[in-house]
Amino acid sequence: DIPLMLGTALLLYPVFLLCRMVEATGSARYSLYALASNIFMLIV
């Protein structure tokens, strides 16, 4: 349980970081990417 807790917390950083990088490119697909990231976390 505790390793899972740490793993899920650390997962947030790369997800948010990738969202920021995609958003910084000005891509019109950012909303779609952000939605996919959130769906990925739900699957996890």
All heavy atoms as atom14 arrays in JSON, in Angstrom:
{
  "sequence": "DIPLMLGTALLLYPVFLLCRMVEATGSARYSLYALASNIFMLIV",
  "atom14_mask": [
    [1, 1, 1, 1, 1, 1, 1, 1, 0, 0, 0, 0, 0, 0],
    [1, 1, 1, 1, 1, 1, 1, 1, 0, 0, 0, 0, 0, 0],
    [1, 1, 1, 1, 1, 1, 1, 0, 0, 0, 0, 0, 0, 0],
    [1, 1, 1, 1, 1, 1, 1, 1, 0, 0, 0, 0, 0, 0],
    [1, 1, 1, 1, 1, 1, 1, 1, 0, 0, 0, 0, 0, 0],
    [1, 1, 1, 1, 1, 1, 1, 1, 0, 0, 0, 0, 0, 0],
    [1, 1, 1, 1, 0, 0, 0, 0, 0, 0, 0, 0, 0, 0],
    [1, 1, 1, 1, 1, 1, 1, 0, 0, 0, 0, 0, 0, 0],
    [1, 1, 1, 1, 1, 0, 0, 0, 0, 0, 0, 0, 0, 0],
    [1, 1, 1, 1, 1, 1, 1, 1, 0, 0, 0, 0, 0, 0],
    [1, 1, 1, 1, 1, 1, 1, 1, 0, 0, 0, 0, 0, 0],
    [1, 1, 1, 1, 1, 1, 1, 1, 0, 0, 0, 0, 0, 0],
    [1, 1, 1, 1, 1, 1, 1, 1, 1, 1, 1, 1, 0, 0],
    [1, 1, 1, 1, 1, 1, 1, 0, 0, 0, 0, 0, 0, 0],
    [1, 1, 1, 1, 1, 1, 1, 0, 0, 0, 0, 0, 0, 0],
    [1, 1, 1, 1, 1, 1, 1, 1, 1, 1, 1, 0, 0, 0],
    [1, 1, 1, 1, 1, 1, 1, 1, 0, 0, 0, 0, 0, 0],
    [1, 1, 1, 1, 1, 1, 1, 1, 0, 0, 0, 0, 0, 0],
    [1, 1, 1, 1, 1, 1, 0, 0, 0, 0, 0, 0, 0, 0],
    [1, 1, 1, 1, 1, 1, 1, 1, 1, 1, 1, 0, 0, 0],
    [1, 1, 1, 1, 1, 1, 1, 1, 0, 0, 0, 0, 0, 0],
    [1, 1, 1, 1, 1, 1, 1, 0, 0, 0, 0, 0, 0, 0],
    [1, 1, 1, 1, 1, 1, 1, 1, 1, 0, 0, 0, 0, 0],
    [1, 1, 1, 1, 1, 0, 0, 0, 0, 0, 0, 0, 0, 0],
    [1, 1, 1, 1, 1, 1, 1, 0, 0, 0, 0, 0, 0, 0],
    [1, 1, 1, 1, 0, 0, 0, 0, 0, 0, 0, 0, 0, 0],
    [1, 1, 1, 1, 1, 1, 0, 0, 0, 0, 0, 0, 0, 0],
    [1, 1, 1, 1, 1, 0, 0, 0, 0, 0, 0, 0, 0, 0],
    [1, 1, 1, 1, 1, 1, 1, 1, 1, 1, 1, 0, 0, 0],
    [1, 1, 1, 1, 1, 1, 1, 1, 1, 1, 1, 1, 0, 0],
    [1, 1, 1, 1, 1, 1, 0, 0, 0, 0, 0, 0, 0, 0],
    [1, 1, 1, 1, 1, 1, 1, 1, 0, 0, 0, 0, 0, 0],
    [1, 1, 1, 1, 1, 1, 1, 1, 1, 1, 1, 1, 0, 0],
    [1, 1, 1, 1, 1, 0, 0, 0, 0, 0, 0, 0, 0, 0],
    [1, 1, 1, 1, 1, 1, 1, 1, 0, 0, 0, 0, 0, 0],
    [1, 1, 1, 1, 1, 0, 0, 0, 0, 0, 0, 0, 0, 0],
    [1, 1, 1, 1, 1, 1, 0, 0, 0, 0, 0, 0, 0, 0],
    [1, 1, 1, 1, 1, 1, 1, 1, 0, 0, 0, 0, 0, 0],
    [1, 1, 1, 1, 1, 1, 1, 1, 0, 0, 0, 0, 0, 0],
    [1, 1, 1, 1, 1, 1, 1, 1, 1, 1, 1, 0, 0, 0],
    [1, 1, 1, 1, 1, 1, 1, 1, 0, 0, 0, 0, 0, 0],
    [1, 1, 1, 1, 1, 1, 1, 1, 0, 0, 0, 0, 0, 0],
    [1, 1, 1, 1, 1, 1, 1, 1, 0, 0, 0, 0, 0, 0],
    [1, 1, 1, 1, 1, 1, 1, 0, 0, 0, 0, 0, 0, 0]
  ],
  "atom14_positions": [
    [[0.8, -1.22, 0.0], [0.0, 0.0, 0.0], [0.84, 1.27, 0.0], [0.56, 2.21, -0.76], [-0.95, 0.0, 1.2], [-1.9, -1.2, 1.19], [-2.1, -1.76, 0.09], [-2.41, -1.58, 2.25], [0.0, 0.0, 0.0], [0.0, 0.0, 0.0], [0.0, 0.0, 0.0], [0.0, 0.0, 0.0], [0.0, 0.0, 0.0], [0.0, 0.0, 0.0]],
    [[1.85, 1.33, 0.87], [2.67, 2.54, 0.94], [3.47, 2.76, -0.34], [3.53, 3.89, -0.84], [3.57, 2.51, 2.19], [2.7, 2.6, 3.45], [4.6, 3.63, 2.17], [3.46, 2.5, 4.76], [0.0, 0.0, 0.0], [0.0, 0.0, 0.0], [0.0, 0.0, 0.0], [0.0, 0.0, 0.0], [0.0, 0.0, 0.0], [0.0, 0.0, 0.0]],
    [[4.12, 1.72, -0.93], [4.77, 1.94, -2.22], [3.8, 2.4, -3.32], [4.16, 3.25, -4.14], [5.35, 0.55, -2.56], [5.59, -0.08, -1.22], [4.45, 0.38, -0.38], [0.0, 0.0, 0.0], [0.0, 0.0, 0.0], [0.0, 0.0, 0.0], [0.0, 0.0, 0.0], [0.0, 0.0, 0.0], [0.0, 0.0, 0.0], [0.0, 0.0, 0.0]],
    [[2.57, 1.86, -3.31], [1.57, 2.31, -4.28], [1.23, 3.78, -4.06], [1.09, 4.55, -5.03], [0.3, 1.46, -4.17], [0.31, 0.11, -4.87], [-0.98, -0.66, -4.54], [0.44, 0.27, -6.37], [0.0, 0.0, 0.0], [0.0, 0.0, 0.0], [0.0, 0.0, 0.0], [0.0, 0.0, 0.0], [0.0, 0.0, 0.0], [0.0, 0.0, 0.0]],
    [[1.12, 4.19, -2.82], [0.83, 5.59, -2.5], [1.93, 6.5, -3.03], [1.66, 7.54, -3.66], [0.67, 5.75, -0.99], [0.44, 7.19, -0.55], [0.47, 7.38, 1.26], [2.22, 7.07, 1.61], [0.0, 0.0, 0.0], [0.0, 0.0, 0.0], [0.0, 0.0, 0.0], [0.0, 0.0, 0.0], [0.0, 0.0, 0.0], [0.0, 0.0, 0.0]],
    [[3.18, 6.13, -2.78], [4.3, 6.93, -3.26], [4.35, 6.96, -4.79], [4.58, 8.01, -5.4], [5.62, 6.36, -2.72], [5.95, 6.66, -1.26], [7.17, 5.85, -0.83], [6.22, 8.14, -1.06], [0.0, 0.0, 0.0], [0.0, 0.0, 0.0], [0.0, 0.0, 0.0], [0.0, 0.0, 0.0], [0.0, 0.0, 0.0], [0.0, 0.0, 0.0]],
    [[4.11, 5.8, -5.4], [4.14, 5.71, -6.86], [3.1, 6.59, -7.52], [3.38, 7.29, -8.51], [0.0, 0.0, 0.0], [0.0, 0.0, 0.0], [0.0, 0.0, 0.0], [0.0, 0.0, 0.0], [0.0, 0.0, 0.0], [0.0, 0.0, 0.0], [0.0, 0.0, 0.0], [0.0, 0.0, 0.0], [0.0, 0.0, 0.0], [0.0, 0.0, 0.0]],
    [[1.87, 6.58, -6.98], [0.81, 7.39, -7.58], [1.1, 8.88, -7.41], [0.83, 9.69, -8.31], [-0.56, 7.06, -6.95], [-0.49, 7.21, -5.53], [-0.98, 5.65, -7.28], [0.0, 0.0, 0.0], [0.0, 0.0, 0.0], [0.0, 0.0, 0.0], [0.0, 0.0, 0.0], [0.0, 0.0, 0.0], [0.0, 0.0, 0.0], [0.0, 0.0, 0.0]],
    [[1.67, 9.27, -6.26], [2.0, 10.68, -6.04], [3.09, 11.14, -7.0], [3.02, 12.24, -7.57], [2.44, 10.9, -4.59], [0.0, 0.0, 0.0], [0.0, 0.0, 0.0], [0.0, 0.0, 0.0], [0.0, 0.0, 0.0], [0.0, 0.0, 0.0], [0.0, 0.0, 0.0], [0.0, 0.0, 0.0], [0.0, 0.0, 0.0], [0.0, 0.0, 0.0]],
    [[4.1, 10.3, -7.19], [5.19, 10.64, -8.12], [4.71, 10.65, -9.57], [5.29, 11.34, -10.42], [6.35, 9.66, -7.95], [7.11, 9.76, -6.62], [8.09, 8.61, -6.47], [7.85, 11.09, -6.53], [0.0, 0.0, 0.0], [0.0, 0.0, 0.0], [0.0, 0.0, 0.0], [0.0, 0.0, 0.0], [0.0, 0.0, 0.0], [0.0, 0.0, 0.0]],
    [[3.66, 9.9, -9.87], [3.11, 9.86, -11.23], [2.56, 11.21, -11.65], [2.58, 11.56, -12.84], [2.0, 8.8, -11.3], [1.25, 8.67, -12.63], [2.19, 8.17, -13.72], [0.07, 7.71, -12.48], [0.0, 0.0, 0.0], [0.0, 0.0, 0.0], [0.0, 0.0, 0.0], [0.0, 0.0, 0.0], [0.0, 0.0, 0.0], [0.0, 0.0, 0.0]],
    [[2.05, 11.99, -10.69], [1.45, 13.28, -11.02], [2.45, 14.21, -11.72], [2.08, 14.94, -12.64], [0.94, 13.97, -9.76], [-0.43, 13.57, -9.22], [-0.78, 14.45, -8.04], [-1.49, 13.67, -10.3], [0.0, 0.0, 0.0], [0.0, 0.0, 0.0], [0.0, 0.0, 0.0], [0.0, 0.0, 0.0], [0.0, 0.0, 0.0], [0.0, 0.0, 0.0]],
    [[3.7, 14.2, -11.26], [4.67, 15.17, -11.79], [4.91, 15.0, -13.29], [4.78, 15.98, -14.05], [5.99, 15.08, -11.02], [6.94, 16.2, -11.37], [6.78, 17.45, -10.8], [7.99, 16.01, -12.27], [7.65, 18.5, -11.12], [8.84, 17.04, -12.6], [8.67, 18.29, -12.02], [9.52, 19.32, -12.35], [0.0, 0.0, 0.0], [0.0, 0.0, 0.0]],
    [[5.28, 13.81, -13.78], [5.48, 13.68, -15.23], [4.21, 13.94, -16.03], [4.28, 14.48, -17.15], [5.96, 12.23, -15.41], [5.57, 11.52, -14.17], [5.6, 12.55, -13.09], [0.0, 0.0, 0.0], [0.0, 0.0, 0.0], [0.0, 0.0, 0.0], [0.0, 0.0, 0.0], [0.0, 0.0, 0.0], [0.0, 0.0, 0.0], [0.0, 0.0, 0.0]],
    [[3.05, 13.58, -15.48], [1.79, 13.85, -16.19], [1.58, 15.36, -16.35], [1.3, 15.86, -17.44], [0.59, 13.21, -15.45], [-0.73, 13.73, -16.03], [0.65, 11.7, -15.57], [0.0, 0.0, 0.0], [0.0, 0.0, 0.0], [0.0, 0.0, 0.0], [0.0, 0.0, 0.0], [0.0, 0.0, 0.0], [0.0, 0.0, 0.0], [0.0, 0.0, 0.0]],
    [[1.72, 16.11, -15.26], [1.57, 17.56, -15.32], [2.67, 18.2, -16.16], [2.43, 19.17, -16.89], [1.59, 18.17, -13.91], [0.33, 17.96, -13.13], [0.36, 17.86, -11.75], [-0.9, 17.85, -13.77], [-0.8, 17.67, -11.02], [-2.07, 17.65, -13.05], [-2.02, 17.57, -11.67], [0.0, 0.0, 0.0], [0.0, 0.0, 0.0], [0.0, 0.0, 0.0]],
    [[3.89, 17.68, -16.06], [5.01, 18.24, -16.82], [4.79, 18.07, -18.32], [5.02, 19.01, -19.11], [6.31, 17.55, -16.4], [7.61, 18.16, -16.94], [7.79, 19.58, -16.45], [8.8, 17.3, -16.52], [0.0, 0.0, 0.0], [0.0, 0.0, 0.0], [0.0, 0.0, 0.0], [0.0, 0.0, 0.0], [0.0, 0.0, 0.0], [0.0, 0.0, 0.0]],
    [[4.34, 16.88, -18.73], [4.05, 16.65, -20.14], [2.91, 17.53, -20.63], [2.95, 18.07, -21.74], [3.72, 15.17, -20.37], [4.91, 14.21, -20.34], [4.43, 12.76, -20.39], [5.84, 14.48, -21.51], [0.0, 0.0, 0.0], [0.0, 0.0, 0.0], [0.0, 0.0, 0.0], [0.0, 0.0, 0.0], [0.0, 0.0, 0.0], [0.0, 0.0, 0.0]],
    [[1.9, 17.72, -19.76], [0.79, 18.61, -20.12], [1.31, 20.03, -20.36], [0.91, 20.69, -21.32], [-0.25, 18.62, -19.01], [-1.33, 17.18, -18.98], [0.0, 0.0, 0.0], [0.0, 0.0, 0.0], [0.0, 0.0, 0.0], [0.0, 0.0, 0.0], [0.0, 0.0, 0.0], [0.0, 0.0, 0.0], [0.0, 0.0, 0.0], [0.0, 0.0, 0.0]],
    [[2.21, 20.48, -19.49], [2.75, 21.83, -19.64], [3.58, 21.96, -20.92], [3.51, 22.98, -21.62], [3.62, 22.19, -18.43], [4.07, 23.64, -18.41], [4.79, 23.97, -17.13], [6.08, 23.31, -17.03], [6.93, 23.46, -16.01], [6.59, 24.23, -14.98], [8.07, 22.82, -15.99], [0.0, 0.0, 0.0], [0.0, 0.0, 0.0], [0.0, 0.0, 0.0]],
    [[4.36, 20.92, -21.23], [5.18, 20.96, -22.44], [4.32, 20.99, -23.7], [4.6, 21.76, -24.63], [6.12, 19.74, -22.46], [7.21, 19.77, -21.39], [8.15, 18.21, -21.28], [8.83, 18.11, -22.92], [0.0, 0.0, 0.0], [0.0, 0.0, 0.0], [0.0, 0.0, 0.0], [0.0, 0.0, 0.0], [0.0, 0.0, 0.0], [0.0, 0.0, 0.0]],
    [[3.27, 20.18, -23.73], [2.38, 20.17, -24.9], [1.65, 21.51, -25.01], [1.51, 22.07, -26.1], [1.36, 19.01, -24.78], [0.32, 19.11, -25.88], [2.07, 17.66, -24.85], [0.0, 0.0, 0.0], [0.0, 0.0, 0.0], [0.0, 0.0, 0.0], [0.0, 0.0, 0.0], [0.0, 0.0, 0.0], [0.0, 0.0, 0.0], [0.0, 0.0, 0.0]],
    [[1.23, 22.04, -23.86], [0.52, 23.32, -23.87], [1.42, 24.44, -24.34], [0.98, 25.37, -25.04], [0.01, 23.61, -22.45], [-0.91, 24.81, -22.36], [-1.38, 25.06, -20.94], [-0.92, 24.35, -20.02], [-2.2, 25.97, -20.77], [0.0, 0.0, 0.0], [0.0, 0.0, 0.0], [0.0, 0.0, 0.0], [0.0, 0.0, 0.0], [0.0, 0.0, 0.0]],
    [[2.72, 24.38, -23.99], [3.67, 25.43, -24.36], [3.89, 25.5, -25.87], [4.26, 26.56, -26.4], [5.0, 25.21, -23.65], [0.0, 0.0, 0.0], [0.0, 0.0, 0.0], [0.0, 0.0, 0.0], [0.0, 0.0, 0.0], [0.0, 0.0, 0.0], [0.0, 0.0, 0.0], [0.0, 0.0, 0.0], [0.0, 0.0, 0.0], [0.0, 0.0, 0.0]],
    [[3.68, 24.39, -26.56], [3.84, 24.39, -28.02], [2.71, 25.11, -28.72], [2.8, 25.36, -29.93], [3.91, 22.94, -28.54], [2.65, 22.29, -28.31], [5.02, 22.15, -27.86], [0.0, 0.0, 0.0], [0.0, 0.0, 0.0], [0.0, 0.0, 0.0], [0.0, 0.0, 0.0], [0.0, 0.0, 0.0], [0.0, 0.0, 0.0], [0.0, 0.0, 0.0]],
    [[1.65, 25.44, -27.99], [0.51, 26.12, -28.6], [-0.35, 25.18, -29.43], [-1.15, 25.64, -30.26], [0.0, 0.0, 0.0], [0.0, 0.0, 0.0], [0.0, 0.0, 0.0], [0.0, 0.0, 0.0], [0.0, 0.0, 0.0], [0.0, 0.0, 0.0], [0.0, 0.0, 0.0], [0.0, 0.0, 0.0], [0.0, 0.0, 0.0], [0.0, 0.0, 0.0]],
    [[-0.2, 23.89, -29.2], [-0.95, 22.92, -29.99], [-2.44, 23.01, -29.7], [-2.86, 23.13, -28.55], [-0.45, 21.5, -29.68], [-1.27, 20.53, -30.29], [0.0, 0.0, 0.0], [0.0, 0.0, 0.0], [0.0, 0.0, 0.0], [0.0, 0.0, 0.0], [0.0, 0.0, 0.0], [0.0, 0.0, 0.0], [0.0, 0.0, 0.0], [0.0, 0.0, 0.0]],
    [[-3.21, 22.95, -30.76], [-4.68, 22.98, -30.62], [-5.18, 21.68, -30.02], [-6.35, 21.59, -29.62], [-5.33, 23.23, -31.97], [0.0, 0.0, 0.0], [0.0, 0.0, 0.0], [0.0, 0.0, 0.0], [0.0, 0.0, 0.0], [0.0, 0.0, 0.0], [0.0, 0.0, 0.0], [0.0, 0.0, 0.0], [0.0, 0.0, 0.0], [0.0, 0.0, 0.0]],
    [[-4.32, 20.68, -29.96], [-4.72, 19.37, -29.45], [-4.48, 19.25, -27.94], [-4.6, 18.16, -27.38], [-3.95, 18.26, -30.16], [-4.25, 18.18, -31.65], [-3.47, 17.06, -32.29], [-3.76, 16.93, -33.72], [-3.18, 16.05, -34.53], [-2.28, 15.21, -34.03], [-3.5, 15.99, -35.8], [0.0, 0.0, 0.0], [0.0, 0.0, 0.0], [0.0, 0.0, 0.0]],
    [[-4.13, 20.35, -27.27], [-3.82, 20.27, -25.85], [-4.97, 19.73, -25.02], [-4.78, 18.88, -24.16], [-3.4, 21.64, -25.3], [-3.28, 21.62, -23.79], [-2.24, 20.92, -23.18], [-4.22, 22.24, -22.98], [-2.13, 20.86, -21.8], [-4.12, 22.18, -21.6], [-3.08, 21.49, -21.02], [-2.99, 21.42, -19.65], [0.0, 0.0, 0.0], [0.0, 0.0, 0.0]],
    [[-6.19, 20.22, -25.29], [-7.35, 19.77, -24.52], [-7.54, 18.27, -24.66], [-7.86, 17.58, -23.69], [-8.62, 20.5, -24.97], [-8.54, 21.86, -24.64], [0.0, 0.0, 0.0], [0.0, 0.0, 0.0], [0.0, 0.0, 0.0], [0.0, 0.0, 0.0], [0.0, 0.0, 0.0], [0.0, 0.0, 0.0], [0.0, 0.0, 0.0], [0.0, 0.0, 0.0]],
    [[-7.32, 17.76, -25.89], [-7.44, 16.33, -26.13], [-6.36, 15.57, -25.37], [-6.62, 14.52, -24.78], [-7.35, 16.03, -27.62], [-7.52, 14.57, -28.06], [-8.91, 14.07, -27.67], [-7.3, 14.43, -29.55], [0.0, 0.0, 0.0], [0.0, 0.0, 0.0], [0.0, 0.0, 0.0], [0.0, 0.0, 0.0], [0.0, 0.0, 0.0], [0.0, 0.0, 0.0]],
    [[-5.14, 16.12, -25.36], [-4.04, 15.48, -24.64], [-4.3, 15.47, -23.14], [-4.06, 14.47, -22.46], [-2.73, 16.19, -24.94], [-1.55, 15.6, -24.21], [-0.9, 14.46, -24.7], [-1.1, 16.14, -23.01], [0.16, 13.89, -24.02], [-0.04, 15.58, -22.32], [0.59, 14.46, -22.84], [1.63, 13.89, -22.15], [0.0, 0.0, 0.0], [0.0, 0.0, 0.0]],
    [[-4.78, 16.61, -22.62], [-5.08, 16.69, -21.18], [-6.17, 15.69, -20.8], [-6.09, 15.04, -19.76], [-5.52, 18.12, -20.83], [0.0, 0.0, 0.0], [0.0, 0.0, 0.0], [0.0, 0.0, 0.0], [0.0, 0.0, 0.0], [0.0, 0.0, 0.0], [0.0, 0.0, 0.0], [0.0, 0.0, 0.0], [0.0, 0.0, 0.0], [0.0, 0.0, 0.0]],
    [[-7.18, 15.56, -21.66], [-8.25, 14.6, -21.4], [-7.7, 13.18, -21.39], [-8.04, 12.38, -20.51], [-9.34, 14.73, -22.47], [-10.51, 13.76, -22.37], [-11.28, 13.97, -21.07], [-11.45, 13.92, -23.57], [0.0, 0.0, 0.0], [0.0, 0.0, 0.0], [0.0, 0.0, 0.0], [0.0, 0.0, 0.0], [0.0, 0.0, 0.0], [0.0, 0.0, 0.0]],
    [[-6.81, 12.87, -22.36], [-6.21, 11.54, -22.42], [-5.37, 11.25, -21.17], [-5.38, 10.13, -20.65], [-5.34, 11.42, -23.67], [0.0, 0.0, 0.0], [0.0, 0.0, 0.0], [0.0, 0.0, 0.0], [0.0, 0.0, 0.0], [0.0, 0.0, 0.0], [0.0, 0.0, 0.0], [0.0, 0.0, 0.0], [0.0, 0.0, 0.0], [0.0, 0.0, 0.0]],
    [[-4.67, 12.27, -20.66], [-3.86, 12.1, -19.45], [-4.74, 11.76, -18.25], [-4.4, 10.89, -17.43], [-3.06, 13.38, -19.16], [-2.19, 13.67, -20.22], [0.0, 0.0, 0.0], [0.0, 0.0, 0.0], [0.0, 0.0, 0.0], [0.0, 0.0, 0.0], [0.0, 0.0, 0.0], [0.0, 0.0, 0.0], [0.0, 0.0, 0.0], [0.0, 0.0, 0.0]],
    [[-5.87, 12.46, -18.14], [-6.78, 12.2, -17.02], [-7.44, 10.83, -17.13], [-7.64, 10.14, -16.12], [-7.84, 13.3, -16.95], [-7.28, 14.62, -16.47], [-6.7, 14.69, -15.39], [-7.43, 15.66, -17.26], [0.0, 0.0, 0.0], [0.0, 0.0, 0.0], [0.0, 0.0, 0.0], [0.0, 0.0, 0.0], [0.0, 0.0, 0.0], [0.0, 0.0, 0.0]],
    [[-7.78, 10.42, -18.35], [-8.34, 9.08, -18.55], [-7.29, 8.02, -18.2], [-7.61, 6.99, -17.59], [-8.83, 8.91, -19.99], [-10.05, 9.8, -20.24], [-9.18, 7.46, -20.28], [-10.53, 9.81, -21.67], [0.0, 0.0, 0.0], [0.0, 0.0, 0.0], [0.0, 0.0, 0.0], [0.0, 0.0, 0.0], [0.0, 0.0, 0.0], [0.0, 0.0, 0.0]],
    [[-6.03, 8.29, -18.55], [-4.94, 7.37, -18.2], [-4.85, 7.19, -16.69], [-4.7, 6.07, -16.19], [-3.62, 7.9, -18.75], [-2.4, 7.23, -18.18], [-2.07, 5.92, -18.54], [-1.58, 7.89, -17.27], [-0.95, 5.29, -18.01], [-0.46, 7.28, -16.74], [-0.15, 5.98, -17.11], [0.0, 0.0, 0.0], [0.0, 0.0, 0.0], [0.0, 0.0, 0.0]],
    [[-4.96, 8.3, -15.92], [-4.9, 8.2, -14.46], [-6.09, 7.42, -13.91], [-5.96, 6.67, -12.94], [-4.82, 9.59, -13.84], [-3.45, 10.23, -13.98], [-3.22, 11.69, -12.92], [-4.28, 12.87, -13.74], [0.0, 0.0, 0.0], [0.0, 0.0, 0.0], [0.0, 0.0, 0.0], [0.0, 0.0, 0.0], [0.0, 0.0, 0.0], [0.0, 0.0, 0.0]],
    [[-7.25, 7.57, -14.54], [-8.42, 6.79, -14.11], [-8.2, 5.31, -14.36], [-8.61, 4.47, -13.55], [-9.67, 7.27, -14.86], [-10.45, 8.44, -14.25], [-11.69, 8.73, -15.1], [-10.86, 8.15, -12.81], [0.0, 0.0, 0.0], [0.0, 0.0, 0.0], [0.0, 0.0, 0.0], [0.0, 0.0, 0.0], [0.0, 0.0, 0.0], [0.0, 0.0, 0.0]],
    [[-7.57, 4.97, -15.49], [-7.29, 3.57, -15.8], [-6.3, 3.0, -14.79], [-6.45, 1.86, -14.31], [-6.73, 3.44, -17.23], [-7.83, 3.79, -18.26], [-6.22, 2.02, -17.5], [-7.34, 3.87, -19.68], [0.0, 0.0, 0.0], [0.0, 0.0, 0.0], [0.0, 0.0, 0.0], [0.0, 0.0, 0.0], [0.0, 0.0, 0.0], [0.0, 0.0, 0.0]],
    [[-5.27, 3.77, -14.45], [-4.31, 3.34, -13.43], [-5.02, 3.13, -12.1], [-4.79, 2.14, -11.4], [-3.18, 4.37, -13.27], [-2.29, 4.02, -12.08], [-2.35, 4.45, -14.54], [0.0, 0.0, 0.0], [0.0, 0.0, 0.0], [0.0, 0.0, 0.0], [0.0, 0.0, 0.0], [0.0, 0.0, 0.0], [0.0, 0.0, 0.0], [0.0, 0.0, 0.0]]
  ]
}
